[in-house]
């Protein structure tokens, strides 16, 4: 049974930082590309960042580039999202995503709330 468990969300002031973690189990982690998506109230889920299976390639949404950093530790089956210079518009439920060969898994999400 595949599980993706996010943690690290919370309430911070604008300009602050948070580090999200996603611990994966039940899959061969180092064969999956991993990503973070987010969904704000009343909006569609949107892409935030992606990292290749090896960690050698990353991609970011324009809205977070330069502020967020995605990384992974294949020895710990964990992917991270370091979020700096947070803005109120970053407020959303953040989801972990794992994808490989057409197989996709999602976590349950962790809430990030940024106060102005």
C-alpha atoms as a PDB file:
ATOM      1  CA  UNK A   1       0.000   0.000   0.000  1.00  0.00           C
ATOM      2  CA  UNK A   2       1.492   3.288  -1.128  1.00  0.00           C
ATOM      3  CA  UNK A   3       1.463   6.147   1.351  1.00  0.00           C
ATOM      4  CA  UNK A   4       2.637   9.706   0.958  1.00  0.00           C
ATOM      5  CA  UNK A   5       2.531  11.565   4.256  1.00  0.00           C
ATOM      6  CA  UNK A   6       3.089  15.302   4.242  1.00  0.00           C
ATOM      7  CA  UNK A   7       4.169  17.308   7.258  1.00  0.00           C
ATOM      8  CA  UNK A   8       5.602  20.700   8.139  1.00  0.00           C
ATOM      9  CA  UNK A   9       2.686  22.938   7.307  1.00  0.00           C
ATOM     10  CA  UNK A  10       1.507  25.665   9.626  1.00  0.00           C
ATOM     11  CA  UNK A  11       0.779  29.338  10.136  1.00  0.00           C
ATOM     12  CA  UNK A  12       3.559  31.848   9.567  1.00  0.00           C
ATOM     13  CA  UNK A  13       3.810  35.558   8.880  1.00  0.00           C
ATOM     14  CA  UNK A  14       4.568  36.924   5.460  1.00  0.00           C
ATOM     15  CA  UNK A  15       8.291  36.860   4.807  1.00  0.00           C
ATOM     16  CA  UNK A  16       8.772  33.753   6.888  1.00  0.00           C
ATOM     17  CA  UNK A  17       9.838  30.246   5.973  1.00  0.00           C
ATOM     18  CA  UNK A  18       8.515  26.719   6.195  1.00  0.00           C
ATOM     19  CA  UNK A  19       9.920  23.356   5.219  1.00  0.00           C
ATOM     20  CA  UNK A  20       7.486  20.721   4.044  1.00  0.00           C
ATOM     21  CA  UNK A  21       8.343  17.030   4.071  1.00  0.00           C
ATOM     22  CA  UNK A  22       6.713  14.103   2.321  1.00  0.00           C
ATOM     23  CA  UNK A  23       7.589  10.635   3.545  1.00  0.00           C
ATOM     24  CA  UNK A  24       6.855   7.872   1.058  1.00  0.00           C
ATOM     25  CA  UNK A  25       6.316   4.185   1.703  1.00  0.00           C
ATOM     26  CA  UNK A  26       5.107   1.202  -0.268  1.00  0.00           C
ATOM     27  CA  UNK A  27       6.835   2.212  -3.476  1.00  0.00           C
ATOM     28  CA  UNK A  28      10.297   2.118  -5.006  1.00  0.00           C
ATOM     29  CA  UNK A  29      10.972   5.730  -4.188  1.00  0.00           C
ATOM     30  CA  UNK A  30      14.067   6.224  -6.300  1.00  0.00           C
ATOM     31  CA  UNK A  31      12.178   5.352  -9.477  1.00  0.00           C
ATOM     32  CA  UNK A  32       9.560   8.060  -9.015  1.00  0.00           C
ATOM     33  CA  UNK A  33       9.620  11.697  -9.962  1.00  0.00           C
ATOM     34  CA  UNK A  34       8.233  13.687  -7.057  1.00  0.00           C
ATOM     35  CA  UNK A  35       6.389  16.963  -7.019  1.00  0.00           C
ATOM     36  CA  UNK A  36       4.449  19.405  -4.909  1.00  0.00           C
ATOM     37  CA  UNK A  37       1.107  20.858  -5.895  1.00  0.00           C
ATOM     38  CA  UNK A  38      -1.124  23.253  -4.007  1.00  0.00           C
ATOM     39  CA  UNK A  39      -4.764  24.197  -3.912  1.00  0.00           C
ATOM     40  CA  UNK A  40      -6.092  27.433  -2.487  1.00  0.00           C
ATOM     41  CA  UNK A  41      -9.744  27.811  -1.466  1.00  0.00           C
ATOM     42  CA  UNK A  42     -11.941  28.259  -4.515  1.00  0.00           C
ATOM     43  CA  UNK A  43      -9.089  27.585  -6.931  1.00  0.00           C
ATOM     44  CA  UNK A  44      -7.876  24.617  -8.917  1.00  0.00           C
ATOM     45  CA  UNK A  45      -4.915  22.537  -7.842  1.00  0.00           C
ATOM     46  CA  UNK A  46      -1.730  23.958  -9.339  1.00  0.00           C
ATOM     47  CA  UNK A  47       1.806  22.756  -9.895  1.00  0.00           C
ATOM     48  CA  UNK A  48       4.478  24.102  -7.565  1.00  0.00           C
ATOM     49  CA  UNK A  49       7.700  22.159  -8.089  1.00  0.00           C
ATOM     50  CA  UNK A  50       9.015  18.872  -9.453  1.00  0.00           C
ATOM     51  CA  UNK A  51      12.178  16.854  -8.982  1.00  0.00           C
ATOM     52  CA  UNK A  52      13.396  13.936 -11.065  1.00  0.00           C
ATOM     53  CA  UNK A  53      13.992  10.480  -9.615  1.00  0.00           C
ATOM     54  CA  UNK A  54      17.688  11.163  -9.222  1.00  0.00           C
ATOM     55  CA  UNK A  55      17.324  14.713  -7.987  1.00  0.00           C
ATOM     56  CA  UNK A  56      19.333  15.940 -10.942  1.00  0.00           C
ATOM     57  CA  UNK A  57      16.520  17.934 -12.518  1.00  0.00           C
ATOM     58  CA  UNK A  58      14.073  20.349 -10.946  1.00  0.00           C
ATOM     59  CA  UNK A  59      11.270  22.542 -12.262  1.00  0.00           C
ATOM     60  CA  UNK A  60       9.307  25.317 -10.597  1.00  0.00           C
ATOM     61  CA  UNK A  61       6.187  27.331 -11.174  1.00  0.00           C
ATOM     62  CA  UNK A  62       7.007  30.904 -12.069  1.00  0.00           C
ATOM     63  CA  UNK A  63       5.211  32.119  -8.960  1.00  0.00           C
ATOM     64  CA  UNK A  64       7.613  30.322  -6.609  1.00  0.00           C
ATOM     65  CA  UNK A  65      10.877  30.271  -8.555  1.00  0.00           C
ATOM     66  CA  UNK A  66      13.683  31.774  -6.525  1.00  0.00           C
ATOM     67  CA  UNK A  67      11.759  31.397  -3.257  1.00  0.00           C
ATOM     68  CA  UNK A  68      11.052  27.647  -3.047  1.00  0.00           C
ATOM     69  CA  UNK A  69      13.499  24.759  -3.327  1.00  0.00           C
ATOM     70  CA  UNK A  70      12.538  21.128  -3.867  1.00  0.00           C
ATOM     71  CA  UNK A  71      14.940  18.385  -2.836  1.00  0.00           C
ATOM     72  CA  UNK A  72      14.881  14.679  -2.063  1.00  0.00           C
ATOM     73  CA  UNK A  73      16.705  12.124   0.016  1.00  0.00           C
ATOM     74  CA  UNK A  74      16.357   8.747  -1.618  1.00  0.00           C
ATOM     75  CA  UNK A  75      17.916   7.034   1.373  1.00  0.00           C
ATOM     76  CA  UNK A  76      15.074   8.357   3.534  1.00  0.00           C
ATOM     77  CA  UNK A  77      12.301   8.050   0.920  1.00  0.00           C
ATOM     78  CA  UNK A  78      11.504  11.693   1.543  1.00  0.00           C
ATOM     79  CA  UNK A  79      11.001  14.770  -0.584  1.00  0.00           C
ATOM     80  CA  UNK A  80      11.191  18.290   0.801  1.00  0.00           C
ATOM     81  CA  UNK A  81       9.964  21.730  -0.127  1.00  0.00           C
ATOM     82  CA  UNK A  82      11.850  24.615   1.438  1.00  0.00           C
ATOM     83  CA  UNK A  83       9.686  27.712   1.211  1.00  0.00           C
ATOM     84  CA  UNK A  84      11.221  31.128   1.872  1.00  0.00           C
ATOM     85  CA  UNK A  85       9.929  34.687   1.569  1.00  0.00           C
ATOM     86  CA  UNK A  86       6.404  33.396   1.953  1.00  0.00           C
ATOM     87  CA  UNK A  87       3.508  35.544   0.759  1.00  0.00           C
ATOM     88  CA  UNK A  88      -0.192  35.497   1.690  1.00  0.00           C
ATOM     89  CA  UNK A  89      -0.908  34.169  -1.811  1.00  0.00           C
ATOM     90  CA  UNK A  90       1.095  31.050  -0.948  1.00  0.00           C
ATOM     91  CA  UNK A  91      -1.713  30.059   1.430  1.00  0.00           C
ATOM     92  CA  UNK A  92      -3.029  26.682   0.282  1.00  0.00           C
ATOM     93  CA  UNK A  93      -3.246  22.995   0.971  1.00  0.00           C
ATOM     94  CA  UNK A  94       0.029  21.531  -0.264  1.00  0.00           C
ATOM     95  CA  UNK A  95       0.001  18.041  -1.769  1.00  0.00           C
ATOM     96  CA  UNK A  96       2.826  15.615  -2.394  1.00  0.00           C
ATOM     97  CA  UNK A  97       2.801  13.769  -5.732  1.00  0.00           C
ATOM     98  CA  UNK A  98       4.693  10.719  -6.944  1.00  0.00           C
ATOM     99  CA  UNK A  99       4.681   9.694 -10.588  1.00  0.00           C
ATOM    100  CA  UNK A 100       6.363   7.022 -12.686  1.00  0.00           C
ATOM    101  CA  UNK A 101       5.428   5.152 -15.868  1.00  0.00           C
ATOM    102  CA  UNK A 102       1.899   6.468 -15.792  1.00  0.00           C
ATOM    103  CA  UNK A 103       1.347   5.540 -12.156  1.00  0.00           C
ATOM    104  CA  UNK A 104       0.436   8.441  -9.891  1.00  0.00           C
ATOM    105  CA  UNK A 105       0.054   8.714  -6.135  1.00  0.00           C
ATOM    106  CA  UNK A 106      -1.083  11.654  -4.019  1.00  0.00           C
ATOM    107  CA  UNK A 107      -0.746  12.522  -0.373  1.00  0.00           C
ATOM    108  CA  UNK A 108      -3.517  13.926   1.777  1.00  0.00           C
ATOM    109  CA  UNK A 109      -2.054  17.400   1.992  1.00  0.00           C
ATOM    110  CA  UNK A 110      -0.681  19.746   4.620  1.00  0.00           C
ATOM    111  CA  UNK A 111      -2.098  23.211   5.217  1.00  0.00           C
ATOM    112  CA  UNK A 112       0.090  26.277   4.807  1.00  0.00           C
ATOM    113  CA  UNK A 113      -1.334  29.600   5.928  1.00  0.00           C
ATOM    114  CA  UNK A 114       0.523  32.875   5.531  1.00  0.00           C
ATOM    115  CA  UNK A 115      -0.676  35.904   7.454  1.00  0.00           C
ATOM    116  CA  UNK A 116      -0.070  39.432   6.198  1.00  0.00           C
END
